[in-house]
Amino acid sequence: MDAVGPPEGIPEDQTQSEGYHPPLPGFVLREEIDRPRGPLRHERSLPLPMRVKTGSFHEENLVVETAQDILEIPWENVRLVALGAILEHRETDTDAYNIEKMMGGVSRMLRGGVDKSKVISKHESFFLDLYVQGLSEPLRFDAALVNYRSFLGRVSYASFQNFFRLVHGIATRATTARYTPGAGHFLARRRDHLHFFHALHEFEIDSLACLADLESQQTWSDLDLTRTAWAEEWGED
């Protein structure tokens, strides 16, 4: 087979003896090819939380299991308890919304052609972030994803009731921690005083500001822990 020479227009003196090597595509950086292989690290201005999947309460410590590890956190190491209430406004195409309704057994007659307007719905979600001495990232409890039975034993049918009991259980044990205003209002069941953030990153920014001003946050003695459930009528199975 004949040797493949340089493409037309490439001088012979710019080729190597073992054959011509075409240039790298313009969008590939030399340093990207030479960079040592290893885990990718994304630069982020806010610490990436460690999501808690399951765990348990103990007299001396809090045991949590994340995707990476199982941690034993002494209660006195919890520095800040931050609660975030998020209220998002979501838009849905009207025709898609109608299809969802029809699949649920509700049909609607469209008049005057297809309506291209949006259906706006509200979605609430709750998070609890614990900032712990010795950890660079907070521990995050997502109210919709926690294994409540592992922490509480007996649980309510209502997930939100379980989240309140989880927060209350942490607050009764983390007596040296500081608490954000959201955590204080939530434990006192003052929903009308809760500040609802529009996005999760707003809550994260607010929590870091509270951490930077830790001494001005509520102490354990400032909390109203007389309420043990969000609603009086909740029951256990």
C-alpha atoms as a PDB file:
ATOM      1  CA  MET A   1       0.000   0.000   0.000  1.00  0.00           C
ATOM      2  CA  ASP A   2       1.356   3.433  -0.877  1.00  0.00           C
ATOM      3  CA  ALA A   3       2.334   5.687   2.027  1.00  0.00           C
ATOM      4  CA  VAL A   4      -0.079   8.438   2.744  1.00  0.00           C
ATOM      5  CA  GLY A   5       1.547  11.794   2.376  1.00  0.00           C
ATOM      6  CA  PRO A   6       0.499  15.198   3.675  1.00  0.00           C
ATOM      7  CA  PRO A   7      -2.612  16.770   2.224  1.00  0.00           C
ATOM      8  CA  GLU A   8      -2.197  19.078  -0.665  1.00  0.00           C
ATOM      9  CA  GLY A   9      -0.846  22.453   0.421  1.00  0.00           C
ATOM     10  CA  ILE A  10       1.169  21.155   3.448  1.00  0.00           C
ATOM     11  CA  PRO A  11       4.942  21.640   2.908  1.00  0.00           C
ATOM     12  CA  GLU A  12       7.071  18.511   3.144  1.00  0.00           C
ATOM     13  CA  ASP A  13       9.394  20.063   5.746  1.00  0.00           C
ATOM     14  CA  GLN A  14       6.452  20.366   8.209  1.00  0.00           C
ATOM     15  CA  THR A  15       5.842  16.605   8.274  1.00  0.00           C
ATOM     16  CA  GLN A  16       7.540  14.040  10.535  1.00  0.00           C
ATOM     17  CA  SER A  17       9.572  11.116   9.266  1.00  0.00           C
ATOM     18  CA  GLU A  18       7.058   8.532  10.446  1.00  0.00           C
ATOM     19  CA  GLY A  19       4.275  10.134   8.464  1.00  0.00           C
ATOM     20  CA  TYR A  20       1.988  13.096   8.497  1.00  0.00           C
ATOM     21  CA  HIS A  21      -0.080  13.807  11.664  1.00  0.00           C
ATOM     22  CA  PRO A  22      -3.138  15.967  10.968  1.00  0.00           C
ATOM     23  CA  PRO A  23      -3.685  18.918  13.295  1.00  0.00           C
ATOM     24  CA  LEU A  24      -6.105  18.583  16.196  1.00  0.00           C
ATOM     25  CA  PRO A  25      -9.582  20.009  15.589  1.00  0.00           C
ATOM     26  CA  GLY A  26      -9.762  23.627  16.547  1.00  0.00           C
ATOM     27  CA  PHE A  27     -12.186  23.051  19.445  1.00  0.00           C
ATOM     28  CA  VAL A  28      -9.875  20.600  21.298  1.00  0.00           C
ATOM     29  CA  LEU A  29      -7.429  22.290  23.679  1.00  0.00           C
ATOM     30  CA  ARG A  30      -3.940  20.883  24.061  1.00  0.00           C
ATOM     31  CA  GLU A  31      -4.122  21.102  27.856  1.00  0.00           C
ATOM     32  CA  GLU A  32      -7.350  19.072  27.850  1.00  0.00           C
ATOM     33  CA  ILE A  33      -5.495  16.184  26.211  1.00  0.00           C
ATOM     34  CA  ASP A  34      -2.444  16.423  28.487  1.00  0.00           C
ATOM     35  CA  ARG A  35      -4.498  16.836  31.681  1.00  0.00           C
ATOM     36  CA  PRO A  36      -4.023  13.891  34.128  1.00  0.00           C
ATOM     37  CA  ARG A  37      -7.048  11.635  34.337  1.00  0.00           C
ATOM     38  CA  GLY A  38      -9.078  11.766  37.543  1.00  0.00           C
ATOM     39  CA  PRO A  39     -12.415  12.823  39.004  1.00  0.00           C
ATOM     40  CA  LEU A  40     -13.879  15.971  37.524  1.00  0.00           C
ATOM     41  CA  ARG A  41     -14.339  18.829  39.967  1.00  0.00           C
ATOM     42  CA  HIS A  42     -16.911  21.456  39.170  1.00  0.00           C
ATOM     43  CA  GLU A  43     -16.174  24.918  40.464  1.00  0.00           C
ATOM     44  CA  ARG A  44     -19.142  26.103  42.497  1.00  0.00           C
ATOM     45  CA  SER A  45     -19.545  29.241  44.556  1.00  0.00           C
ATOM     46  CA  LEU A  46     -21.840  27.413  47.016  1.00  0.00           C
ATOM     47  CA  PRO A  47     -20.929  24.157  48.789  1.00  0.00           C
ATOM     48  CA  LEU A  48     -22.599  21.131  47.247  1.00  0.00           C
ATOM     49  CA  PRO A  49     -24.798  19.547  49.957  1.00  0.00           C
ATOM     50  CA  MET A  50     -24.498  15.920  50.982  1.00  0.00           C
ATOM     51  CA  ARG A  51     -28.003  14.496  50.671  1.00  0.00           C
ATOM     52  CA  VAL A  52     -29.091  12.358  53.593  1.00  0.00           C
ATOM     53  CA  LYS A  53     -30.959   9.199  52.581  1.00  0.00           C
ATOM     54  CA  THR A  54     -31.429   7.497  55.925  1.00  0.00           C
ATOM     55  CA  GLY A  55     -30.047   7.442  59.467  1.00  0.00           C
ATOM     56  CA  SER A  56     -30.956   7.397  63.122  1.00  0.00           C
ATOM     57  CA  PHE A  57     -31.056   9.456  66.315  1.00  0.00           C
ATOM     58  CA  HIS A  58     -28.837   8.515  69.248  1.00  0.00           C
ATOM     59  CA  GLU A  59     -28.249  10.110  72.616  1.00  0.00           C
ATOM     60  CA  GLU A  60     -24.728  11.250  71.806  1.00  0.00           C
ATOM     61  CA  ASN A  61     -24.840  11.630  68.044  1.00  0.00           C
ATOM     62  CA  LEU A  62     -26.752  11.747  64.795  1.00  0.00           C
ATOM     63  CA  VAL A  63     -26.020   8.940  62.339  1.00  0.00           C
ATOM     64  CA  VAL A  64     -26.640   9.787  58.674  1.00  0.00           C
ATOM     65  CA  GLU A  65     -26.093   7.846  55.479  1.00  0.00           C
ATOM     66  CA  THR A  66     -25.318   9.729  52.288  1.00  0.00           C
ATOM     67  CA  ALA A  67     -24.514   8.425  48.835  1.00  0.00           C
ATOM     68  CA  GLN A  68     -20.808   8.510  49.747  1.00  0.00           C
ATOM     69  CA  ASP A  69     -20.522   7.561  53.401  1.00  0.00           C
ATOM     70  CA  ILE A  70     -22.050   6.846  56.791  1.00  0.00           C
ATOM     71  CA  LEU A  71     -21.303   9.635  59.263  1.00  0.00           C
ATOM     72  CA  GLU A  72     -21.644   9.884  63.033  1.00  0.00           C
ATOM     73  CA  ILE A  73     -22.193  13.510  63.986  1.00  0.00           C
ATOM     74  CA  PRO A  74     -21.885  14.464  67.674  1.00  0.00           C
ATOM     75  CA  TRP A  75     -24.775  16.746  68.517  1.00  0.00           C
ATOM     76  CA  GLU A  76     -22.423  19.431  69.822  1.00  0.00           C
ATOM     77  CA  ASN A  77     -20.804  19.601  66.362  1.00  0.00           C
ATOM     78  CA  VAL A  78     -23.986  20.860  64.684  1.00  0.00           C
ATOM     79  CA  ARG A  79     -23.326  24.577  64.213  1.00  0.00           C
ATOM     80  CA  LEU A  80     -26.350  25.787  62.231  1.00  0.00           C
ATOM     81  CA  VAL A  81     -29.800  24.356  61.506  1.00  0.00           C
ATOM     82  CA  ALA A  82     -31.286  26.026  58.418  1.00  0.00           C
ATOM     83  CA  LEU A  83     -34.791  25.354  57.126  1.00  0.00           C
ATOM     84  CA  GLY A  84     -35.821  26.290  53.609  1.00  0.00           C
ATOM     85  CA  ALA A  85     -39.381  26.574  52.355  1.00  0.00           C
ATOM     86  CA  ILE A  86     -39.390  26.822  48.555  1.00  0.00           C
ATOM     87  CA  LEU A  87     -42.389  28.000  46.543  1.00  0.00           C
ATOM     88  CA  GLU A  88     -41.932  27.533  42.806  1.00  0.00           C
ATOM     89  CA  HIS A  89     -44.289  28.692  40.072  1.00  0.00           C
ATOM     90  CA  ARG A  90     -44.392  26.176  37.241  1.00  0.00           C
ATOM     91  CA  GLU A  91     -45.819  26.738  33.793  1.00  0.00           C
ATOM     92  CA  THR A  92     -47.508  24.013  31.759  1.00  0.00           C
ATOM     93  CA  ASP A  93     -48.869  24.208  28.235  1.00  0.00           C
ATOM     94  CA  THR A  94     -52.634  24.259  28.297  1.00  0.00           C
ATOM     95  CA  ASP A  95     -53.030  21.434  25.792  1.00  0.00           C
ATOM     96  CA  ALA A  96     -50.606  19.248  27.758  1.00  0.00           C
ATOM     97  CA  TYR A  97     -52.529  20.074  30.913  1.00  0.00           C
ATOM     98  CA  ASN A  98     -55.770  18.997  29.260  1.00  0.00           C
ATOM     99  CA  ILE A  99     -54.244  15.704  28.181  1.00  0.00           C
ATOM    100  CA  GLU A 100     -53.178  15.009  31.754  1.00  0.00           C
ATOM    101  CA  LYS A 101     -56.708  15.747  32.938  1.00  0.00           C
ATOM    102  CA  MET A 102     -58.212  13.469  30.308  1.00  0.00           C
ATOM    103  CA  MET A 103     -55.910  10.644  31.343  1.00  0.00           C
ATOM    104  CA  GLY A 104     -57.193  11.111  34.875  1.00  0.00           C
ATOM    105  CA  GLY A 105     -60.770  10.677  33.742  1.00  0.00           C
ATOM    106  CA  VAL A 106     -61.638  14.330  33.177  1.00  0.00           C
ATOM    107  CA  SER A 107     -62.300  15.531  29.649  1.00  0.00           C
ATOM    108  CA  ARG A 108     -62.657  19.063  28.461  1.00  0.00           C
ATOM    109  CA  MET A 109     -63.958  20.456  25.222  1.00  0.00           C
ATOM    110  CA  LEU A 110     -61.577  22.844  23.552  1.00  0.00           C
ATOM    111  CA  ARG A 111     -63.346  25.760  21.953  1.00  0.00           C
ATOM    112  CA  GLY A 112     -62.005  28.084  19.302  1.00  0.00           C
ATOM    113  CA  GLY A 113     -58.949  25.995  18.459  1.00  0.00           C
ATOM    114  CA  VAL A 114     -55.940  25.090  20.619  1.00  0.00           C
ATOM    115  CA  ASP A 115     -55.205  27.438  23.513  1.00  0.00           C
ATOM    116  CA  LYS A 116     -51.487  28.169  23.613  1.00  0.00           C
ATOM    117  CA  SER A 117     -51.577  29.924  26.980  1.00  0.00           C
ATOM    118  CA  LYS A 118     -49.862  28.580  30.093  1.00  0.00           C
ATOM    119  CA  VAL A 119     -51.279  26.972  33.198  1.00  0.00           C
ATOM    120  CA  ILE A 120     -49.358  28.236  36.238  1.00  0.00           C
ATOM    121  CA  SER A 121     -49.195  25.961  39.270  1.00  0.00           C
ATOM    122  CA  LYS A 122     -47.516  26.374  42.652  1.00  0.00           C
ATOM    123  CA  HIS A 123     -45.204  23.754  44.088  1.00  0.00           C
ATOM    124  CA  GLU A 124     -43.964  23.754  47.699  1.00  0.00           C
ATOM    125  CA  SER A 125     -40.896  21.868  48.891  1.00  0.00           C
ATOM    126  CA  PHE A 126     -39.041  21.843  52.211  1.00  0.00           C
ATOM    127  CA  PHE A 127     -35.381  21.264  53.013  1.00  0.00           C
ATOM    128  CA  LEU A 128     -33.326  21.121  56.172  1.00  0.00           C
ATOM    129  CA  ASP A 129     -29.591  21.836  55.972  1.00  0.00           C
ATOM    130  CA  LEU A 130     -27.252  21.090  58.862  1.00  0.00           C
ATOM    131  CA  TYR A 131     -23.900  22.860  58.921  1.00  0.00           C
ATOM    132  CA  VAL A 132     -21.521  20.702  60.939  1.00  0.00           C
ATOM    133  CA  GLN A 133     -18.114  21.456  62.378  1.00  0.00           C
ATOM    134  CA  GLY A 134     -15.468  19.646  60.344  1.00  0.00           C
ATOM    135  CA  LEU A 135     -17.612  19.266  57.214  1.00  0.00           C
ATOM    136  CA  SER A 136     -17.160  21.654  54.302  1.00  0.00           C
ATOM    137  CA  GLU A 137     -20.588  20.798  52.872  1.00  0.00           C
ATOM    138  CA  PRO A 138     -23.943  20.870  54.661  1.00  0.00           C
ATOM    139  CA  LEU A 139     -26.022  17.766  55.291  1.00  0.00           C
ATOM    140  CA  ARG A 140     -29.316  18.102  53.416  1.00  0.00           C
ATOM    141  CA  PHE A 141     -32.635  16.524  54.322  1.00  0.00           C
ATOM    142  CA  ASP A 142     -35.132  16.719  51.460  1.00  0.00           C
ATOM    143  CA  ALA A 143     -38.641  16.398  52.925  1.00  0.00           C
ATOM    144  CA  ALA A 144     -39.770  14.349  49.934  1.00  0.00           C
ATOM    145  CA  LEU A 145     -36.911  11.830  49.979  1.00  0.00           C
ATOM    146  CA  VAL A 146     -36.013  11.030  53.582  1.00  0.00           C
ATOM    147  CA  ASN A 147     -36.516   7.539  54.996  1.00  0.00           C
ATOM    148  CA  TYR A 148     -38.495   8.759  57.997  1.00  0.00           C
ATOM    149  CA  ARG A 149     -38.989   5.340  59.535  1.00  0.00           C
ATOM    150  CA  SER A 150     -35.246   4.973  60.091  1.00  0.00           C
ATOM    151  CA  PHE A 151     -35.181   8.164  62.166  1.00  0.00           C
ATOM    152  CA  LEU A 152     -38.614   8.122  63.800  1.00  0.00           C
ATOM    153  CA  GLY A 153     -39.621   4.487  64.071  1.00  0.00           C
ATOM    154  CA  ARG A 154     -43.382   4.885  63.863  1.00  0.00           C
ATOM    155  CA  VAL A 155     -44.449   7.316  61.167  1.00  0.00           C
ATOM    156  CA  SER A 156     -47.510   9.247  60.066  1.00  0.00           C
ATOM    157  CA  TYR A 157     -49.280   8.662  56.778  1.00  0.00           C
ATOM    158  CA  ALA A 158     -48.666  12.343  55.979  1.00  0.00           C
ATOM    159  CA  SER A 159     -45.087  12.968  54.859  1.00  0.00           C
ATOM    160  CA  PHE A 160     -45.149  16.595  56.004  1.00  0.00           C
ATOM    161  CA  GLN A 161     -46.004  15.532  59.556  1.00  0.00           C
ATOM    162  CA  ASN A 162     -42.974  13.255  59.521  1.00  0.00           C
ATOM    163  CA  PHE A 163     -40.753  16.080  58.313  1.00  0.00           C
ATOM    164  CA  PHE A 164     -41.908  18.254  61.219  1.00  0.00           C
ATOM    165  CA  ARG A 165     -41.129  15.457  63.666  1.00  0.00           C
ATOM    166  CA  LEU A 166     -37.692  15.009  62.055  1.00  0.00           C
ATOM    167  CA  VAL A 167     -36.871  18.698  62.426  1.00  0.00           C
ATOM    168  CA  HIS A 168     -38.253  18.692  65.973  1.00  0.00           C
ATOM    169  CA  GLY A 169     -36.175  15.623  66.833  1.00  0.00           C
ATOM    170  CA  ILE A 170     -32.994  17.285  65.631  1.00  0.00           C
ATOM    171  CA  ALA A 171     -33.804  20.536  67.406  1.00  0.00           C
ATOM    172  CA  THR A 172     -34.430  18.869  70.758  1.00  0.00           C
ATOM    173  CA  ARG A 173     -30.983  17.238  70.615  1.00  0.00           C
ATOM    174  CA  ALA A 174     -28.792  19.892  68.947  1.00  0.00           C
ATOM    175  CA  THR A 175     -28.815  22.173  71.985  1.00  0.00           C
ATOM    176  CA  THR A 176     -25.595  24.034  71.150  1.00  0.00           C
ATOM    177  CA  ALA A 177     -26.536  24.830  67.548  1.00  0.00           C
ATOM    178  CA  ARG A 178     -27.845  28.080  66.128  1.00  0.00           C
ATOM    179  CA  TYR A 179     -31.104  28.236  64.182  1.00  0.00           C
ATOM    180  CA  THR A 180     -32.150  30.347  61.211  1.00  0.00           C
ATOM    181  CA  PRO A 181     -35.410  32.336  61.397  1.00  0.00           C
ATOM    182  CA  GLY A 182     -37.057  29.816  59.073  1.00  0.00           C
ATOM    183  CA  ALA A 183     -36.219  26.959  61.435  1.00  0.00           C
ATOM    184  CA  GLY A 184     -37.588  28.898  64.411  1.00  0.00           C
ATOM    185  CA  HIS A 185     -40.872  29.804  62.712  1.00  0.00           C
ATOM    186  CA  PHE A 186     -41.334  26.274  61.415  1.00  0.00           C
ATOM    187  CA  LEU A 187     -40.857  24.677  64.841  1.00  0.00           C
ATOM    188  CA  ALA A 188     -43.339  27.158  66.334  1.00  0.00           C
ATOM    189  CA  ARG A 189     -45.784  26.328  63.491  1.00  0.00           C
ATOM    190  CA  ARG A 190     -45.903  29.961  62.417  1.00  0.00           C
ATOM    191  CA  ARG A 191     -46.509  29.360  58.728  1.00  0.00           C
ATOM    192  CA  ASP A 192     -47.565  32.971  58.197  1.00  0.00           C
ATOM    193  CA  HIS A 193     -44.064  34.044  59.300  1.00  0.00           C
ATOM    194  CA  LEU A 194     -42.208  31.620  57.047  1.00  0.00           C
ATOM    195  CA  HIS A 195     -40.279  33.183  54.212  1.00  0.00           C
ATOM    196  CA  PHE A 196     -40.793  31.183  51.018  1.00  0.00           C
ATOM    197  CA  PHE A 197     -37.840  31.281  48.648  1.00  0.00           C
ATOM    198  CA  HIS A 198     -38.470  31.234  44.906  1.00  0.00           C
ATOM    199  CA  ALA A 199     -35.611  28.821  44.188  1.00  0.00           C
ATOM    200  CA  LEU A 200     -33.358  26.428  46.072  1.00  0.00           C
ATOM    201  CA  HIS A 201     -30.202  28.456  45.424  1.00  0.00           C
ATOM    202  CA  GLU A 202     -31.825  31.460  47.155  1.00  0.00           C
ATOM    203  CA  PHE A 203     -32.168  29.337  50.281  1.00  0.00           C
ATOM    204  CA  GLU A 204     -28.541  28.234  49.999  1.00  0.00           C
ATOM    205  CA  ILE A 205     -27.324  31.832  49.706  1.00  0.00           C
ATOM    206  CA  ASP A 206     -29.430  32.865  52.699  1.00  0.00           C
ATOM    207  CA  SER A 207     -28.100  29.955  54.783  1.00  0.00           C
ATOM    208  CA  LEU A 208     -24.488  30.905  54.046  1.00  0.00           C
ATOM    209  CA  ALA A 209     -25.234  34.483  55.081  1.00  0.00           C
ATOM    210  CA  CYS A 210     -26.663  33.163  58.367  1.00  0.00           C
ATOM    211  CA  LEU A 211     -23.592  30.973  58.845  1.00  0.00           C
ATOM    212  CA  ALA A 212     -21.329  33.988  58.323  1.00  0.00           C
ATOM    213  CA  ASP A 213     -23.330  35.829  60.994  1.00  0.00           C
ATOM    214  CA  LEU A 214     -23.727  32.811  63.246  1.00  0.00           C
ATOM    215  CA  GLU A 215     -23.718  34.580  66.593  1.00  0.00           C
ATOM    216  CA  SER A 216     -26.815  36.606  65.730  1.00  0.00           C
ATOM    217  CA  GLN A 217     -28.902  33.522  64.895  1.00  0.00           C
ATOM    218  CA  GLN A 218     -31.399  32.043  67.342  1.00  0.00           C
ATOM    219  CA  THR A 219     -30.081  29.865  70.129  1.00  0.00           C
ATOM    220  CA  TRP A 220     -31.687  26.660  71.324  1.00  0.00           C
ATOM    221  CA  SER A 221     -33.239  28.491  74.271  1.00  0.00           C
ATOM    222  CA  ASP A 222     -34.981  30.875  71.842  1.00  0.00           C
ATOM    223  CA  LEU A 223     -36.936  28.033  70.208  1.00  0.00           C
ATOM    224  CA  ASP A 224     -40.537  27.123  70.888  1.00  0.00           C
ATOM    225  CA  LEU A 225     -40.424  23.337  71.088  1.00  0.00           C
ATOM    226  CA  THR A 226     -43.778  22.882  72.809  1.00  0.00           C
ATOM    227  CA  ARG A 227     -45.405  21.716  69.554  1.00  0.00           C
ATOM    228  CA  THR A 228     -44.585  18.111  68.719  1.00  0.00           C
ATOM    229  CA  ALA A 229     -46.573  17.898  65.473  1.00  0.00           C
ATOM    230  CA  TRP A 230     -47.538  20.288  62.685  1.00  0.00           C
ATOM    231  CA  ALA A 231     -51.240  19.442  63.000  1.00  0.00           C
ATOM    232  CA  GLU A 232     -52.966  18.137  66.082  1.00  0.00           C
ATOM    233  CA  GLU A 233     -55.079  15.613  64.222  1.00  0.00           C
ATOM    234  CA  TRP A 234     -52.227  13.612  62.715  1.00  0.00           C
ATOM    235  CA  GLY A 235     -52.084   9.901  63.521  1.00  0.00           C
ATOM    236  CA  GLU A 236     -49.584   7.108  63.523  1.00  0.00           C
ATOM    237  CA  ASP A 237     -49.801   3.666  61.967  1.00  0.00           C
END
